[in-house]
Amino acid sequence: MTEAPHRLPVRIYYEDTDFSGVVYHANYLRFMERGRTEFLRTLGVDQAQLTDESGQPLAFVVRQMTVDFLRPARMDDQVIVETLLGAQAGASLVLDQRILRADEILITAAVKVALVGGGRARRFPPALAAKISARTASPSMAEIALK
């Protein structure tokens, strides 16, 4: 059974749009960042408190991203940012994301994030790995797109 995606509602405001009234492309990345943060929060991951076993701070950073801009969102639209775990490796995750307006897909993205600490990639600490592994990984378009 495939896990249901995490869903984050976002209202489009004037500040999110360009002169033509459509969402400026970089703002979709902000919306997806919020979606990834809230997805991790549902797993019990507090990114501000993320450390390894020795107490060294850790952080997730975007390593690779493939984005397909299909349709524009406009001011006052209510959109949903969906986030789903696509794949897990020792120090990285691939997350599949979509932005939808009702049932209409506006954006699809495959985002590979790496866990880093002290300037280099770090394997997931056991407690974090267990939280992530508890989610059912879905068949991922990201696994193909990011190879």
C-alpha atoms as a PDB file:
ATOM      1  CA  MET A   1       0.000   0.000   0.000  1.00  0.00           C
ATOM      2  CA  THR A   2       1.307   3.458  -0.915  1.00  0.00           C
ATOM      3  CA  GLU A   3       1.417   6.049   1.846  1.00  0.00           C
ATOM      4  CA  ALA A   4      -0.833   9.078   1.392  1.00  0.00           C
ATOM      5  CA  PRO A   5       1.135  12.265   0.692  1.00  0.00           C
ATOM      6  CA  HIS A   6       1.505  15.030   3.242  1.00  0.00           C
ATOM      7  CA  ARG A   7      -0.701  17.944   2.125  1.00  0.00           C
ATOM      8  CA  LEU A   8       0.004  21.601   2.921  1.00  0.00           C
ATOM      9  CA  PRO A   9      -2.529  24.248   1.847  1.00  0.00           C
ATOM     10  CA  VAL A  10      -1.077  27.524   0.555  1.00  0.00           C
ATOM     11  CA  ARG A  11      -2.946  30.686  -0.446  1.00  0.00           C
ATOM     12  CA  ILE A  12      -1.367  32.702  -3.260  1.00  0.00           C
ATOM     13  CA  TYR A  13      -0.900  36.354  -2.329  1.00  0.00           C
ATOM     14  CA  TYR A  14      -0.011  39.418  -4.398  1.00  0.00           C
ATOM     15  CA  GLU A  15       3.589  39.245  -3.128  1.00  0.00           C
ATOM     16  CA  ASP A  16       3.924  35.746  -4.674  1.00  0.00           C
ATOM     17  CA  THR A  17       3.132  36.955  -8.189  1.00  0.00           C
ATOM     18  CA  ASP A  18       4.955  38.787 -10.943  1.00  0.00           C
ATOM     19  CA  PHE A  19       3.713  41.731 -13.013  1.00  0.00           C
ATOM     20  CA  SER A  20       1.358  39.464 -15.000  1.00  0.00           C
ATOM     21  CA  GLY A  21      -0.429  38.141 -11.903  1.00  0.00           C
ATOM     22  CA  VAL A  22       1.000  34.605 -12.008  1.00  0.00           C
ATOM     23  CA  VAL A  23       3.237  33.069  -9.356  1.00  0.00           C
ATOM     24  CA  TYR A  24       6.897  33.911  -9.894  1.00  0.00           C
ATOM     25  CA  HIS A  25       8.707  30.629 -10.574  1.00  0.00           C
ATOM     26  CA  ALA A  26      11.108  30.830  -7.611  1.00  0.00           C
ATOM     27  CA  ASN A  27       8.196  31.132  -5.192  1.00  0.00           C
ATOM     28  CA  TYR A  28       7.117  27.576  -6.005  1.00  0.00           C
ATOM     29  CA  LEU A  29      10.457  26.482  -4.524  1.00  0.00           C
ATOM     30  CA  ARG A  30       9.565  28.304  -1.289  1.00  0.00           C
ATOM     31  CA  PHE A  31       6.191  26.576  -1.166  1.00  0.00           C
ATOM     32  CA  MET A  32       7.845  23.183  -1.694  1.00  0.00           C
ATOM     33  CA  GLU A  33      10.425  23.926   1.025  1.00  0.00           C
ATOM     34  CA  ARG A  34       7.564  24.555   3.437  1.00  0.00           C
ATOM     35  CA  GLY A  35       5.956  21.294   2.326  1.00  0.00           C
ATOM     36  CA  ARG A  36       9.173  19.345   2.985  1.00  0.00           C
ATOM     37  CA  THR A  37       9.580  20.986   6.401  1.00  0.00           C
ATOM     38  CA  GLU A  38       6.018  20.147   7.424  1.00  0.00           C
ATOM     39  CA  PHE A  39       6.407  16.590   6.085  1.00  0.00           C
ATOM     40  CA  LEU A  40       9.468  16.103   8.314  1.00  0.00           C
ATOM     41  CA  ARG A  41       7.575  17.638  11.227  1.00  0.00           C
ATOM     42  CA  THR A  42       4.874  14.958  10.847  1.00  0.00           C
ATOM     43  CA  LEU A  43       7.639  12.356  11.242  1.00  0.00           C
ATOM     44  CA  GLY A  44       8.655  13.972  14.531  1.00  0.00           C
ATOM     45  CA  VAL A  45      11.771  15.608  13.071  1.00  0.00           C
ATOM     46  CA  ASP A  46      12.521  19.056  14.523  1.00  0.00           C
ATOM     47  CA  GLN A  47      15.072  20.476  12.088  1.00  0.00           C
ATOM     48  CA  ALA A  48      16.121  23.219  14.506  1.00  0.00           C
ATOM     49  CA  GLN A  49      17.134  20.546  17.050  1.00  0.00           C
ATOM     50  CA  LEU A  50      18.649  18.008  14.631  1.00  0.00           C
ATOM     51  CA  THR A  51      21.985  16.633  15.893  1.00  0.00           C
ATOM     52  CA  ASP A  52      24.081  13.497  15.589  1.00  0.00           C
ATOM     53  CA  GLU A  53      24.897  11.193  18.546  1.00  0.00           C
ATOM     54  CA  SER A  54      27.748  13.503  19.662  1.00  0.00           C
ATOM     55  CA  GLY A  55      25.520  16.606  19.610  1.00  0.00           C
ATOM     56  CA  GLN A  56      26.942  18.062  16.376  1.00  0.00           C
ATOM     57  CA  PRO A  57      24.295  20.075  14.482  1.00  0.00           C
ATOM     58  CA  LEU A  58      22.886  18.473  11.341  1.00  0.00           C
ATOM     59  CA  ALA A  59      20.843  19.983   8.544  1.00  0.00           C
ATOM     60  CA  PHE A  60      19.044  18.879   5.412  1.00  0.00           C
ATOM     61  CA  VAL A  61      20.246  20.624   2.249  1.00  0.00           C
ATOM     62  CA  VAL A  62      18.896  20.370  -1.271  1.00  0.00           C
ATOM     63  CA  ARG A  63      21.385  18.427  -3.386  1.00  0.00           C
ATOM     64  CA  GLN A  64      19.413  18.042  -6.598  1.00  0.00           C
ATOM     65  CA  MET A  65      16.024  19.118  -7.897  1.00  0.00           C
ATOM     66  CA  THR A  66      14.063  18.411 -11.045  1.00  0.00           C
ATOM     67  CA  VAL A  67      11.014  20.656 -11.489  1.00  0.00           C
ATOM     68  CA  ASP A  68       8.376  20.544 -14.197  1.00  0.00           C
ATOM     69  CA  PHE A  69       6.298  23.734 -14.412  1.00  0.00           C
ATOM     70  CA  LEU A  70       3.039  22.603 -16.023  1.00  0.00           C
ATOM     71  CA  ARG A  71       0.499  25.362 -15.329  1.00  0.00           C
ATOM     72  CA  PRO A  72       0.586  28.707 -13.521  1.00  0.00           C
ATOM     73  CA  ALA A  73      -1.028  29.577 -10.220  1.00  0.00           C
ATOM     74  CA  ARG A  74      -2.541  33.030  -9.855  1.00  0.00           C
ATOM     75  CA  MET A  75      -3.256  35.493  -7.086  1.00  0.00           C
ATOM     76  CA  ASP A  76      -5.898  34.257  -4.628  1.00  0.00           C
ATOM     77  CA  ASP A  77      -5.612  30.643  -5.775  1.00  0.00           C
ATOM     78  CA  GLN A  78      -5.695  28.051  -3.025  1.00  0.00           C
ATOM     79  CA  VAL A  79      -3.108  25.384  -3.829  1.00  0.00           C
ATOM     80  CA  ILE A  80      -1.973  22.215  -2.099  1.00  0.00           C
ATOM     81  CA  VAL A  81       1.669  21.191  -1.779  1.00  0.00           C
ATOM     82  CA  GLU A  82       1.912  17.395  -1.647  1.00  0.00           C
ATOM     83  CA  THR A  83       5.068  15.708  -0.361  1.00  0.00           C
ATOM     84  CA  LEU A  84       5.767  11.985  -0.463  1.00  0.00           C
ATOM     85  CA  LEU A  85       8.864   9.988   0.442  1.00  0.00           C
ATOM     86  CA  GLY A  86      10.267   8.512  -2.750  1.00  0.00           C
ATOM     87  CA  ALA A  87      13.536   6.878  -1.695  1.00  0.00           C
ATOM     88  CA  GLN A  88      15.943   6.745   1.228  1.00  0.00           C
ATOM     89  CA  ALA A  89      19.691   6.165   1.231  1.00  0.00           C
ATOM     90  CA  GLY A  90      22.285   6.377   4.013  1.00  0.00           C
ATOM     91  CA  ALA A  91      22.623  10.175   3.957  1.00  0.00           C
ATOM     92  CA  SER A  92      19.902  11.342   1.559  1.00  0.00           C
ATOM     93  CA  LEU A  93      16.205  11.309   0.803  1.00  0.00           C
ATOM     94  CA  VAL A  94      14.333  11.760  -2.437  1.00  0.00           C
ATOM     95  CA  LEU A  95      10.981  13.453  -1.994  1.00  0.00           C
ATOM     96  CA  ASP A  96       8.314  13.613  -4.677  1.00  0.00           C
ATOM     97  CA  GLN A  97       6.351  16.843  -4.604  1.00  0.00           C
ATOM     98  CA  ARG A  98       3.387  18.233  -6.477  1.00  0.00           C
ATOM     99  CA  ILE A  99       1.538  21.515  -6.311  1.00  0.00           C
ATOM    100  CA  LEU A 100      -2.133  21.235  -7.195  1.00  0.00           C
ATOM    101  CA  ARG A 101      -5.068  23.584  -7.630  1.00  0.00           C
ATOM    102  CA  ALA A 102      -8.044  21.367  -6.829  1.00  0.00           C
ATOM    103  CA  ASP A 103      -7.329  18.264  -8.975  1.00  0.00           C
ATOM    104  CA  GLU A 104      -5.199  20.153 -11.514  1.00  0.00           C
ATOM    105  CA  ILE A 105      -1.451  19.466 -11.273  1.00  0.00           C
ATOM    106  CA  LEU A 106       0.533  22.703 -11.595  1.00  0.00           C
ATOM    107  CA  ILE A 107       4.049  21.609 -10.627  1.00  0.00           C
ATOM    108  CA  THR A 108       5.839  18.287 -10.180  1.00  0.00           C
ATOM    109  CA  ALA A 109       9.250  17.971  -8.580  1.00  0.00           C
ATOM    110  CA  ALA A 110      11.739  15.361  -7.483  1.00  0.00           C
ATOM    111  CA  VAL A 111      13.935  16.739  -4.706  1.00  0.00           C
ATOM    112  CA  LYS A 112      17.015  14.997  -3.357  1.00  0.00           C
ATOM    113  CA  VAL A 113      18.052  16.277   0.068  1.00  0.00           C
ATOM    114  CA  ALA A 114      21.237  15.308   1.877  1.00  0.00           C
ATOM    115  CA  LEU A 115      21.912  15.332   5.596  1.00  0.00           C
ATOM    116  CA  VAL A 116      25.053  17.347   6.344  1.00  0.00           C
ATOM    117  CA  GLY A 117      27.062  18.203   9.418  1.00  0.00           C
ATOM    118  CA  GLY A 118      30.460  19.840   9.726  1.00  0.00           C
ATOM    119  CA  GLY A 119      30.499  20.612   6.017  1.00  0.00           C
ATOM    120  CA  ARG A 120      30.025  17.055   4.736  1.00  0.00           C
ATOM    121  CA  ALA A 121      27.351  14.433   4.206  1.00  0.00           C
ATOM    122  CA  ARG A 122      26.414  12.421   7.300  1.00  0.00           C
ATOM    123  CA  ARG A 123      24.581   9.134   7.599  1.00  0.00           C
ATOM    124  CA  PHE A 124      21.211   9.343   9.319  1.00  0.00           C
ATOM    125  CA  PRO A 125      21.518   8.820  13.067  1.00  0.00           C
ATOM    126  CA  PRO A 126      19.638   5.627  14.051  1.00  0.00           C
ATOM    127  CA  ALA A 127      16.686   7.456  15.646  1.00  0.00           C
ATOM    128  CA  LEU A 128      16.214   9.646  12.564  1.00  0.00           C
ATOM    129  CA  ALA A 129      16.601   6.684  10.204  1.00  0.00           C
ATOM    130  CA  ALA A 130      13.898   4.826  12.144  1.00  0.00           C
ATOM    131  CA  LYS A 131      11.468   7.750  11.889  1.00  0.00           C
ATOM    132  CA  ILE A 132      12.019   8.006   8.150  1.00  0.00           C
ATOM    133  CA  SER A 133      11.907   4.252   7.543  1.00  0.00           C
ATOM    134  CA  ALA A 134       8.549   4.090   9.299  1.00  0.00           C
ATOM    135  CA  ARG A 135       7.078   5.857   6.250  1.00  0.00           C
ATOM    136  CA  THR A 136       6.250   3.611   3.336  1.00  0.00           C
ATOM    137  CA  ALA A 137       8.391   4.592   0.368  1.00  0.00           C
ATOM    138  CA  SER A 138       6.337   5.032  -2.777  1.00  0.00           C
ATOM    139  CA  PRO A 139       7.333   4.089  -6.302  1.00  0.00           C
ATOM    140  CA  SER A 140       9.193   7.247  -7.225  1.00  0.00           C
ATOM    141  CA  MET A 141       9.475   9.244 -10.424  1.00  0.00           C
ATOM    142  CA  ALA A 142      12.445  10.793  -8.636  1.00  0.00           C
ATOM    143  CA  GLU A 143      14.418   7.564  -8.727  1.00  0.00           C
ATOM    144  CA  ILE A 144      14.379   7.747 -12.522  1.00  0.00           C
ATOM    145  CA  ALA A 145      14.692  11.532 -12.896  1.00  0.00           C
ATOM    146  CA  LEU A 146      17.653  11.951 -10.563  1.00  0.00           C
ATOM    147  CA  LYS A 147      19.903   9.135 -11.819  1.00  0.00           C
END
